[in-house]
N, C-alpha and C. Protein backbone atom coordinates (compact mmCIF):
# COMPACT_ATOMS: atom_id res chain seq x y z
N MET A 1 -46.72 -90.17 24.58
CA MET A 1 -45.44 -90.76 24.89
C MET A 1 -45.47 -92.21 24.40
N GLY A 2 -44.45 -92.61 23.70
CA GLY A 2 -44.40 -93.95 23.14
C GLY A 2 -44.13 -95.02 24.19
N ARG A 3 -44.44 -96.24 23.82
CA ARG A 3 -44.26 -97.36 24.75
C ARG A 3 -42.79 -97.59 25.10
N VAL A 4 -41.90 -97.45 24.13
CA VAL A 4 -40.49 -97.68 24.40
C VAL A 4 -39.99 -96.67 25.44
N LEU A 5 -40.33 -95.41 25.24
CA LEU A 5 -39.92 -94.38 26.19
C LEU A 5 -40.55 -94.63 27.56
N SER A 6 -41.82 -94.96 27.58
CA SER A 6 -42.50 -95.23 28.85
C SER A 6 -41.83 -96.36 29.61
N ARG A 7 -41.51 -97.43 28.91
CA ARG A 7 -40.84 -98.57 29.56
C ARG A 7 -39.44 -98.19 30.07
N ALA A 8 -38.72 -97.43 29.27
CA ALA A 8 -37.37 -97.01 29.69
C ALA A 8 -37.44 -96.10 30.91
N LEU A 9 -38.42 -95.22 30.96
CA LEU A 9 -38.59 -94.34 32.13
C LEU A 9 -38.97 -95.15 33.36
N GLU A 10 -39.83 -96.12 33.19
CA GLU A 10 -40.20 -97.00 34.31
C GLU A 10 -38.99 -97.78 34.81
N ALA A 11 -38.21 -98.33 33.90
CA ALA A 11 -37.03 -99.10 34.27
C ALA A 11 -36.00 -98.24 35.01
N ALA A 12 -35.97 -96.94 34.69
CA ALA A 12 -35.04 -96.03 35.35
C ALA A 12 -35.59 -95.47 36.66
N GLY A 13 -36.80 -95.91 37.03
CA GLY A 13 -37.41 -95.43 38.27
C GLY A 13 -38.01 -94.04 38.15
N LEU A 14 -38.37 -93.66 36.95
CA LEU A 14 -38.90 -92.31 36.71
C LEU A 14 -40.40 -92.30 36.39
N ALA A 15 -41.11 -93.34 36.75
CA ALA A 15 -42.55 -93.43 36.45
C ALA A 15 -43.32 -92.28 37.09
N GLU A 16 -42.92 -91.89 38.30
CA GLU A 16 -43.60 -90.80 39.00
C GLU A 16 -43.42 -89.47 38.24
N LEU A 17 -42.21 -89.22 37.78
CA LEU A 17 -41.96 -87.99 37.00
C LEU A 17 -42.69 -88.04 35.67
N GLN A 18 -42.72 -89.22 35.08
CA GLN A 18 -43.45 -89.40 33.82
C GLN A 18 -44.92 -89.04 34.01
N ALA A 19 -45.51 -89.46 35.13
CA ALA A 19 -46.91 -89.16 35.41
C ALA A 19 -47.13 -87.67 35.60
N ARG A 20 -46.18 -87.00 36.27
CA ARG A 20 -46.30 -85.54 36.46
C ARG A 20 -46.22 -84.81 35.12
N VAL A 21 -45.31 -85.25 34.27
CA VAL A 21 -45.19 -84.64 32.94
C VAL A 21 -46.47 -84.87 32.14
N ALA A 22 -47.00 -86.08 32.20
CA ALA A 22 -48.23 -86.40 31.46
C ALA A 22 -49.42 -85.58 31.96
N SER A 23 -49.39 -85.18 33.23
CA SER A 23 -50.48 -84.36 33.77
C SER A 23 -50.36 -82.90 33.35
N GLY A 24 -49.21 -82.54 32.78
CA GLY A 24 -49.01 -81.17 32.32
C GLY A 24 -48.39 -80.25 33.35
N ALA A 25 -47.96 -80.79 34.48
CA ALA A 25 -47.36 -79.97 35.53
C ALA A 25 -45.86 -79.80 35.31
N ALA A 26 -45.37 -78.59 35.60
CA ALA A 26 -43.93 -78.36 35.57
C ALA A 26 -43.30 -79.09 36.76
N LEU A 27 -42.10 -79.57 36.58
CA LEU A 27 -41.42 -80.28 37.65
C LEU A 27 -40.85 -79.31 38.68
N THR A 28 -40.76 -79.77 39.91
CA THR A 28 -40.19 -78.96 40.98
C THR A 28 -38.67 -78.91 40.83
N PRO A 29 -38.01 -77.96 41.50
CA PRO A 29 -36.54 -77.92 41.45
C PRO A 29 -35.90 -79.22 41.92
N GLU A 30 -36.48 -79.88 42.90
CA GLU A 30 -35.93 -81.16 43.39
C GLU A 30 -36.04 -82.23 42.32
N GLU A 31 -37.16 -82.28 41.62
CA GLU A 31 -37.34 -83.27 40.55
C GLU A 31 -36.39 -83.01 39.39
N VAL A 32 -36.21 -81.74 39.06
CA VAL A 32 -35.28 -81.37 37.99
C VAL A 32 -33.86 -81.76 38.38
N SER A 33 -33.50 -81.51 39.63
CA SER A 33 -32.17 -81.88 40.11
C SER A 33 -31.92 -83.38 39.98
N LYS A 34 -32.95 -84.17 40.23
CA LYS A 34 -32.85 -85.63 40.11
C LYS A 34 -32.50 -86.04 38.67
N LEU A 35 -32.94 -85.24 37.69
CA LEU A 35 -32.73 -85.57 36.28
C LEU A 35 -31.34 -85.18 35.75
N ARG A 36 -30.56 -84.49 36.54
CA ARG A 36 -29.23 -84.07 36.08
C ARG A 36 -28.29 -85.24 35.83
N ASP A 37 -28.53 -86.38 36.50
CA ASP A 37 -27.66 -87.54 36.33
C ASP A 37 -28.33 -88.68 35.57
N VAL A 38 -29.50 -88.42 35.00
CA VAL A 38 -30.25 -89.45 34.26
C VAL A 38 -29.79 -89.43 32.80
N ASP A 39 -29.87 -90.56 32.14
CA ASP A 39 -29.52 -90.66 30.72
C ASP A 39 -30.13 -89.50 29.93
N LEU A 40 -29.32 -88.87 29.10
CA LEU A 40 -29.74 -87.68 28.36
C LEU A 40 -30.96 -87.95 27.47
N LEU A 41 -31.02 -89.12 26.85
CA LEU A 41 -32.16 -89.39 25.96
C LEU A 41 -33.47 -89.56 26.73
N LEU A 42 -33.41 -90.03 27.96
CA LEU A 42 -34.61 -90.12 28.79
C LEU A 42 -35.10 -88.72 29.18
N VAL A 43 -34.15 -87.86 29.53
CA VAL A 43 -34.50 -86.47 29.86
C VAL A 43 -35.10 -85.79 28.63
N ALA A 44 -34.50 -86.03 27.47
CA ALA A 44 -35.02 -85.45 26.22
C ALA A 44 -36.43 -85.96 25.95
N GLY A 45 -36.67 -87.25 26.15
CA GLY A 45 -37.99 -87.81 25.93
C GLY A 45 -39.04 -87.19 26.84
N LEU A 46 -38.70 -87.00 28.11
CA LEU A 46 -39.62 -86.34 29.04
C LEU A 46 -39.92 -84.90 28.60
N ALA A 47 -38.86 -84.16 28.26
CA ALA A 47 -39.03 -82.76 27.85
C ALA A 47 -39.84 -82.66 26.57
N ASP A 48 -39.57 -83.53 25.61
CA ASP A 48 -40.31 -83.47 24.35
C ASP A 48 -41.77 -83.86 24.57
N SER A 49 -42.02 -84.79 25.49
CA SER A 49 -43.41 -85.15 25.82
C SER A 49 -44.14 -83.97 26.43
N MET A 50 -43.45 -83.25 27.32
CA MET A 50 -44.08 -82.08 27.93
C MET A 50 -44.35 -81.01 26.87
N ARG A 51 -43.36 -80.79 25.99
CA ARG A 51 -43.55 -79.82 24.91
C ARG A 51 -44.75 -80.18 24.05
N ALA A 52 -44.86 -81.43 23.67
CA ALA A 52 -45.97 -81.87 22.82
C ALA A 52 -47.30 -81.71 23.53
N HIS A 53 -47.33 -82.06 24.81
CA HIS A 53 -48.57 -81.97 25.59
C HIS A 53 -49.00 -80.52 25.79
N ALA A 54 -48.04 -79.66 26.14
CA ALA A 54 -48.35 -78.28 26.48
C ALA A 54 -48.40 -77.34 25.30
N ARG A 55 -47.56 -77.57 24.30
CA ARG A 55 -47.39 -76.59 23.22
C ARG A 55 -47.73 -77.14 21.84
N GLY A 56 -47.92 -78.45 21.72
CA GLY A 56 -48.24 -79.04 20.42
C GLY A 56 -47.03 -79.13 19.52
N ASP A 57 -47.28 -79.30 18.24
CA ASP A 57 -46.20 -79.47 17.26
C ASP A 57 -45.82 -78.18 16.55
N ASP A 58 -46.38 -77.06 16.98
CA ASP A 58 -46.07 -75.79 16.34
C ASP A 58 -44.71 -75.26 16.78
N VAL A 59 -43.96 -74.73 15.84
CA VAL A 59 -42.67 -74.10 16.10
C VAL A 59 -42.77 -72.66 15.63
N ARG A 60 -42.43 -71.74 16.51
CA ARG A 60 -42.39 -70.33 16.12
C ARG A 60 -40.98 -69.98 15.68
N ILE A 61 -40.88 -69.20 14.62
CA ILE A 61 -39.60 -68.66 14.17
C ILE A 61 -39.69 -67.17 14.39
N LEU A 62 -38.86 -66.67 15.30
CA LEU A 62 -38.94 -65.28 15.72
C LEU A 62 -37.68 -64.53 15.34
N ASN A 63 -37.85 -63.34 14.85
CA ASN A 63 -36.71 -62.48 14.53
C ASN A 63 -36.28 -61.80 15.82
N SER A 64 -35.02 -61.88 16.14
CA SER A 64 -34.53 -61.25 17.37
C SER A 64 -34.68 -59.73 17.32
N LEU A 65 -34.93 -59.18 16.13
CA LEU A 65 -35.15 -57.74 16.01
C LEU A 65 -36.57 -57.35 16.40
N ALA A 66 -37.48 -58.34 16.46
CA ALA A 66 -38.86 -58.09 16.84
C ALA A 66 -38.93 -57.90 18.35
N PRO A 67 -40.02 -57.31 18.85
CA PRO A 67 -40.15 -57.13 20.30
C PRO A 67 -40.05 -58.47 21.03
N ASN A 68 -39.54 -58.42 22.26
CA ASN A 68 -39.35 -59.62 23.07
C ASN A 68 -40.67 -60.35 23.28
N GLN A 69 -40.64 -61.66 23.22
CA GLN A 69 -41.82 -62.49 23.41
C GLN A 69 -42.01 -62.75 24.89
N ALA A 70 -43.07 -62.21 25.48
CA ALA A 70 -43.32 -62.36 26.91
C ALA A 70 -43.81 -63.76 27.25
N ASP A 71 -44.23 -64.53 26.26
CA ASP A 71 -44.78 -65.85 26.54
C ASP A 71 -43.76 -66.96 26.31
N ALA A 72 -42.47 -66.62 26.29
CA ALA A 72 -41.42 -67.64 26.10
C ALA A 72 -40.16 -67.24 26.86
N LEU A 73 -39.50 -68.24 27.41
CA LEU A 73 -38.17 -68.03 27.99
C LEU A 73 -37.15 -68.28 26.89
N VAL A 74 -36.16 -67.41 26.78
CA VAL A 74 -35.17 -67.54 25.72
C VAL A 74 -33.88 -68.11 26.30
N PHE A 75 -33.43 -69.23 25.74
CA PHE A 75 -32.17 -69.86 26.12
C PHE A 75 -31.11 -69.33 25.16
N GLU A 76 -30.16 -68.55 25.69
CA GLU A 76 -29.18 -67.89 24.82
C GLU A 76 -27.74 -68.35 25.04
N ARG A 77 -27.54 -69.34 25.89
CA ARG A 77 -26.17 -69.84 26.08
C ARG A 77 -25.78 -70.68 24.88
N GLY A 78 -24.49 -70.73 24.61
CA GLY A 78 -23.99 -71.53 23.51
C GLY A 78 -22.72 -72.25 23.91
N PRO A 79 -22.28 -73.20 23.08
CA PRO A 79 -21.03 -73.89 23.38
C PRO A 79 -19.85 -72.93 23.23
N SER A 80 -18.82 -73.16 24.02
CA SER A 80 -17.61 -72.36 23.89
C SER A 80 -16.42 -73.26 24.22
N ALA A 81 -15.24 -72.77 23.92
CA ALA A 81 -14.03 -73.56 24.14
C ALA A 81 -13.89 -73.97 25.60
N ALA A 82 -14.20 -73.07 26.52
CA ALA A 82 -14.04 -73.36 27.94
C ALA A 82 -15.38 -73.69 28.61
N GLY A 83 -16.45 -73.70 27.83
CA GLY A 83 -17.77 -73.84 28.42
C GLY A 83 -18.42 -75.19 28.17
N ALA A 84 -19.73 -75.16 28.18
CA ALA A 84 -20.54 -76.37 28.08
C ALA A 84 -20.45 -77.00 26.69
N THR A 85 -20.58 -78.32 26.66
CA THR A 85 -20.65 -79.05 25.40
C THR A 85 -22.07 -78.96 24.85
N GLY A 86 -22.25 -79.38 23.62
CA GLY A 86 -23.59 -79.41 23.03
C GLY A 86 -24.53 -80.29 23.83
N ALA A 87 -24.07 -81.44 24.28
CA ALA A 87 -24.91 -82.35 25.06
C ALA A 87 -25.32 -81.71 26.38
N GLU A 88 -24.40 -81.00 27.01
CA GLU A 88 -24.73 -80.33 28.27
C GLU A 88 -25.75 -79.22 28.05
N LEU A 89 -25.62 -78.50 26.96
CA LEU A 89 -26.59 -77.44 26.65
C LEU A 89 -27.96 -78.04 26.35
N LEU A 90 -27.99 -79.13 25.61
CA LEU A 90 -29.28 -79.79 25.32
C LEU A 90 -29.95 -80.27 26.60
N ARG A 91 -29.18 -80.79 27.54
CA ARG A 91 -29.73 -81.19 28.84
C ARG A 91 -30.33 -79.98 29.55
N GLU A 92 -29.61 -78.84 29.53
CA GLU A 92 -30.12 -77.63 30.18
C GLU A 92 -31.42 -77.15 29.53
N ILE A 93 -31.51 -77.25 28.22
CA ILE A 93 -32.74 -76.86 27.51
C ILE A 93 -33.88 -77.78 27.93
N ALA A 94 -33.61 -79.08 27.98
CA ALA A 94 -34.64 -80.04 28.39
C ALA A 94 -35.08 -79.77 29.83
N LEU A 95 -34.14 -79.50 30.72
CA LEU A 95 -34.49 -79.22 32.11
C LEU A 95 -35.25 -77.90 32.23
N LEU A 96 -34.90 -76.93 31.39
CA LEU A 96 -35.66 -75.67 31.37
C LEU A 96 -37.11 -75.93 30.97
N ARG A 97 -37.31 -76.74 29.93
CA ARG A 97 -38.68 -77.08 29.51
C ARG A 97 -39.44 -77.76 30.64
N LEU A 98 -38.79 -78.70 31.31
CA LEU A 98 -39.45 -79.47 32.37
C LEU A 98 -39.77 -78.63 33.60
N SER A 99 -39.03 -77.56 33.83
CA SER A 99 -39.26 -76.72 35.00
C SER A 99 -40.07 -75.46 34.70
N THR A 100 -40.42 -75.27 33.44
CA THR A 100 -41.15 -74.08 33.02
C THR A 100 -42.64 -74.36 32.98
N PRO A 101 -43.46 -73.45 33.48
CA PRO A 101 -44.91 -73.65 33.38
C PRO A 101 -45.33 -73.92 31.93
N PRO A 102 -46.26 -74.83 31.74
CA PRO A 102 -46.63 -75.25 30.37
C PRO A 102 -47.10 -74.11 29.46
N GLU A 103 -47.66 -73.06 30.04
CA GLU A 103 -48.16 -71.97 29.18
C GLU A 103 -47.05 -71.12 28.59
N LEU A 104 -45.83 -71.28 29.10
CA LEU A 104 -44.69 -70.55 28.56
C LEU A 104 -43.91 -71.42 27.59
N GLY A 105 -43.47 -70.82 26.51
CA GLY A 105 -42.65 -71.54 25.55
C GLY A 105 -41.18 -71.48 25.93
N VAL A 106 -40.39 -72.27 25.23
CA VAL A 106 -38.94 -72.23 25.39
C VAL A 106 -38.35 -71.96 24.00
N ALA A 107 -37.69 -70.80 23.88
CA ALA A 107 -37.07 -70.40 22.63
C ALA A 107 -35.56 -70.58 22.74
N VAL A 108 -34.94 -70.97 21.63
CA VAL A 108 -33.49 -71.10 21.60
C VAL A 108 -32.92 -70.15 20.56
N SER A 109 -31.77 -69.60 20.87
CA SER A 109 -31.11 -68.63 20.01
C SER A 109 -30.31 -69.32 18.91
N LEU A 110 -30.62 -68.99 17.66
CA LEU A 110 -29.87 -69.52 16.53
C LEU A 110 -28.43 -69.05 16.56
N GLU A 111 -28.21 -67.81 16.98
CA GLU A 111 -26.85 -67.26 17.01
C GLU A 111 -26.01 -67.95 18.08
N ALA A 112 -26.58 -68.16 19.26
CA ALA A 112 -25.81 -68.75 20.36
C ALA A 112 -25.52 -70.23 20.13
N LEU A 113 -26.52 -70.97 19.67
CA LEU A 113 -26.36 -72.42 19.52
C LEU A 113 -25.85 -72.86 18.16
N GLY A 114 -26.12 -72.07 17.14
CA GLY A 114 -25.86 -72.51 15.78
C GLY A 114 -27.07 -73.27 15.27
N LEU A 115 -27.21 -73.34 13.97
CA LEU A 115 -28.41 -73.92 13.36
C LEU A 115 -28.62 -75.39 13.75
N GLU A 116 -27.57 -76.20 13.68
CA GLU A 116 -27.73 -77.64 13.93
C GLU A 116 -28.14 -77.93 15.37
N LEU A 117 -27.50 -77.28 16.33
CA LEU A 117 -27.83 -77.51 17.73
C LEU A 117 -29.21 -76.92 18.06
N ALA A 118 -29.55 -75.79 17.45
CA ALA A 118 -30.89 -75.20 17.66
C ALA A 118 -31.97 -76.14 17.12
N GLN A 119 -31.74 -76.74 15.96
CA GLN A 119 -32.70 -77.71 15.42
C GLN A 119 -32.86 -78.89 16.37
N THR A 120 -31.76 -79.40 16.87
CA THR A 120 -31.79 -80.53 17.80
C THR A 120 -32.53 -80.15 19.08
N ALA A 121 -32.41 -78.90 19.50
CA ALA A 121 -33.09 -78.43 20.71
C ALA A 121 -34.61 -78.57 20.59
N LEU A 122 -35.13 -78.58 19.36
CA LEU A 122 -36.56 -78.77 19.17
C LEU A 122 -37.01 -80.16 19.64
N LEU A 123 -36.08 -81.11 19.72
CA LEU A 123 -36.38 -82.45 20.24
C LEU A 123 -36.14 -82.54 21.75
N PHE A 124 -35.64 -81.47 22.33
CA PHE A 124 -35.34 -81.43 23.76
C PHE A 124 -36.25 -80.45 24.48
N GLY A 125 -37.41 -80.15 23.90
CA GLY A 125 -38.41 -79.33 24.57
C GLY A 125 -38.58 -77.92 24.07
N ALA A 126 -37.68 -77.42 23.23
CA ALA A 126 -37.84 -76.07 22.70
C ALA A 126 -38.98 -76.03 21.69
N ASP A 127 -39.65 -74.89 21.61
CA ASP A 127 -40.74 -74.76 20.64
C ASP A 127 -40.62 -73.50 19.79
N SER A 128 -39.53 -72.77 19.96
CA SER A 128 -39.31 -71.55 19.17
C SER A 128 -37.83 -71.40 18.84
N LEU A 129 -37.59 -70.90 17.63
CA LEU A 129 -36.24 -70.53 17.20
C LEU A 129 -36.21 -69.02 17.10
N ILE A 130 -35.19 -68.41 17.67
CA ILE A 130 -35.10 -66.96 17.62
C ILE A 130 -33.72 -66.57 17.10
N GLY A 131 -33.70 -65.60 16.20
CA GLY A 131 -32.42 -65.17 15.67
C GLY A 131 -32.56 -63.99 14.73
N ASP A 132 -31.44 -63.46 14.33
CA ASP A 132 -31.40 -62.36 13.38
C ASP A 132 -31.56 -62.97 12.00
N LEU A 133 -32.77 -62.95 11.47
CA LEU A 133 -33.05 -63.62 10.21
C LEU A 133 -32.47 -62.89 9.01
N GLY A 134 -32.06 -61.67 9.19
CA GLY A 134 -31.47 -60.92 8.09
C GLY A 134 -29.98 -60.72 8.27
N SER A 135 -29.33 -61.65 8.93
CA SER A 135 -27.92 -61.49 9.26
C SER A 135 -27.04 -61.51 8.02
N ALA A 136 -25.79 -61.15 8.22
CA ALA A 136 -24.83 -61.13 7.13
C ALA A 136 -24.55 -62.52 6.59
N ARG A 137 -24.94 -63.56 7.35
CA ARG A 137 -24.70 -64.93 6.89
C ARG A 137 -25.64 -65.32 5.75
N THR A 138 -26.68 -64.52 5.52
CA THR A 138 -27.62 -64.79 4.43
C THR A 138 -27.15 -64.03 3.20
N LEU A 139 -27.06 -64.70 2.07
CA LEU A 139 -26.63 -64.03 0.85
C LEU A 139 -27.65 -62.99 0.42
N PRO A 140 -27.23 -61.76 0.11
CA PRO A 140 -28.16 -60.71 -0.27
C PRO A 140 -29.03 -61.08 -1.47
N LEU A 141 -28.50 -61.86 -2.38
CA LEU A 141 -29.28 -62.19 -3.57
C LEU A 141 -30.44 -63.14 -3.25
N LEU A 142 -30.49 -63.65 -2.04
CA LEU A 142 -31.56 -64.57 -1.65
C LEU A 142 -32.67 -63.88 -0.87
N ASP A 143 -32.83 -62.59 -0.98
CA ASP A 143 -33.87 -61.83 -0.30
C ASP A 143 -33.73 -61.83 1.21
N GLY A 144 -32.52 -61.93 1.73
CA GLY A 144 -32.24 -61.75 3.15
C GLY A 144 -33.12 -62.53 4.10
N ALA A 145 -33.84 -61.77 4.95
CA ALA A 145 -34.64 -62.38 6.02
C ALA A 145 -35.72 -63.31 5.49
N VAL A 146 -36.30 -62.97 4.36
CA VAL A 146 -37.36 -63.81 3.79
C VAL A 146 -36.80 -65.17 3.40
N ALA A 147 -35.62 -65.18 2.78
CA ALA A 147 -34.99 -66.44 2.38
C ALA A 147 -34.59 -67.25 3.61
N ARG A 148 -34.05 -66.59 4.62
CA ARG A 148 -33.63 -67.29 5.85
C ARG A 148 -34.84 -67.92 6.53
N ARG A 149 -35.96 -67.19 6.60
CA ARG A 149 -37.18 -67.73 7.20
C ARG A 149 -37.66 -68.94 6.41
N ARG A 150 -37.66 -68.85 5.10
CA ARG A 150 -38.10 -69.99 4.26
C ARG A 150 -37.22 -71.21 4.49
N GLU A 151 -35.91 -70.99 4.60
CA GLU A 151 -34.98 -72.09 4.88
C GLU A 151 -35.34 -72.75 6.20
N LEU A 152 -35.55 -71.95 7.24
CA LEU A 152 -35.90 -72.49 8.56
C LEU A 152 -37.26 -73.18 8.54
N GLU A 153 -38.22 -72.61 7.84
CA GLU A 153 -39.54 -73.23 7.74
C GLU A 153 -39.45 -74.60 7.08
N GLY A 154 -38.62 -74.72 6.05
CA GLY A 154 -38.43 -76.00 5.38
C GLY A 154 -37.80 -77.04 6.30
N LEU A 155 -36.80 -76.62 7.08
CA LEU A 155 -36.15 -77.54 8.02
C LEU A 155 -37.13 -78.01 9.09
N VAL A 156 -37.96 -77.11 9.59
CA VAL A 156 -38.95 -77.47 10.60
C VAL A 156 -39.98 -78.42 10.01
N ALA A 157 -40.46 -78.12 8.81
CA ALA A 157 -41.47 -78.97 8.16
C ALA A 157 -40.94 -80.37 7.91
N ARG A 158 -39.68 -80.47 7.47
CA ARG A 158 -39.10 -81.79 7.21
C ARG A 158 -38.89 -82.60 8.48
N SER A 159 -38.91 -81.94 9.62
CA SER A 159 -38.77 -82.66 10.89
C SER A 159 -40.12 -83.17 11.40
N GLY A 160 -41.19 -82.87 10.66
CA GLY A 160 -42.51 -83.33 11.06
C GLY A 160 -43.26 -82.36 11.94
N ARG A 161 -42.71 -81.18 12.16
CA ARG A 161 -43.36 -80.16 12.98
C ARG A 161 -43.95 -79.10 12.04
N ARG A 162 -44.76 -78.21 12.60
CA ARG A 162 -45.40 -77.14 11.83
C ARG A 162 -44.86 -75.79 12.27
N VAL A 163 -44.68 -74.90 11.31
CA VAL A 163 -44.27 -73.53 11.63
C VAL A 163 -45.53 -72.73 11.92
N LEU A 164 -45.54 -72.10 13.07
CA LEU A 164 -46.64 -71.25 13.47
C LEU A 164 -46.44 -69.89 12.82
N ALA A 165 -47.41 -69.45 12.06
CA ALA A 165 -47.29 -68.17 11.35
C ALA A 165 -47.24 -67.03 12.35
N ALA A 166 -46.35 -66.11 12.11
CA ALA A 166 -46.22 -64.91 12.94
C ALA A 166 -46.12 -63.72 12.00
N GLU A 167 -47.24 -63.24 11.53
CA GLU A 167 -47.27 -62.20 10.51
C GLU A 167 -46.56 -60.92 10.94
N ALA A 168 -46.71 -60.53 12.20
CA ALA A 168 -46.10 -59.28 12.65
C ALA A 168 -44.59 -59.34 12.55
N SER A 169 -43.99 -60.46 12.95
CA SER A 169 -42.53 -60.54 12.88
C SER A 169 -42.06 -60.69 11.43
N ARG A 170 -42.89 -61.32 10.58
CA ARG A 170 -42.54 -61.42 9.17
C ARG A 170 -42.45 -60.05 8.52
N GLU A 171 -43.44 -59.19 8.82
CA GLU A 171 -43.44 -57.84 8.25
C GLU A 171 -42.19 -57.07 8.68
N ALA A 172 -41.80 -57.21 9.97
CA ALA A 172 -40.60 -56.54 10.46
C ALA A 172 -39.35 -57.05 9.75
N GLU A 173 -39.30 -58.35 9.49
CA GLU A 173 -38.16 -58.94 8.79
C GLU A 173 -38.06 -58.40 7.37
N GLU A 174 -39.20 -58.32 6.69
CA GLU A 174 -39.19 -57.85 5.31
C GLU A 174 -38.75 -56.40 5.22
N ARG A 175 -39.14 -55.58 6.21
CA ARG A 175 -38.69 -54.19 6.23
C ARG A 175 -37.19 -54.10 6.48
N ALA A 176 -36.66 -55.03 7.31
CA ALA A 176 -35.23 -55.01 7.65
C ALA A 176 -34.35 -55.48 6.51
N SER A 177 -34.90 -56.29 5.59
CA SER A 177 -34.04 -56.83 4.52
C SER A 177 -34.00 -55.95 3.31
């Protein structure tokens, strides 16, 4: 955790929560509730610190057609006309990360959030992107799921994170395309 974030958390009276996150412990429901009214960027910083401590810089890209991942909670809500805003969804993702045991990942749905919001969720504690990599949104001439995965891998790499290889899901994607 950087000094600027640490100082901002201390100034906001969140030093105790910062220490719990640094120890690798998931926050209690009461602690999470306290964060609902805290500046969004402070909540994001806490969640990203927990993600880095517990899960490292690896990002998994999972095909939603592959078997469900038992080691990750999937956040599938998305913005809607009558529903939550992008900022509200990002707060919920960060709070999910902070309340989830460190050994479990937090995956976000590309279909529900859209690519841009799903990418941003990686800074709010998510460590996996899940979606239909061979969807109709991918041009057939680009090799379908393989091209979509390469696009996502490039976006993750340019953000300074690493894509965790998942050979089994890659093989399923290639068969589907």
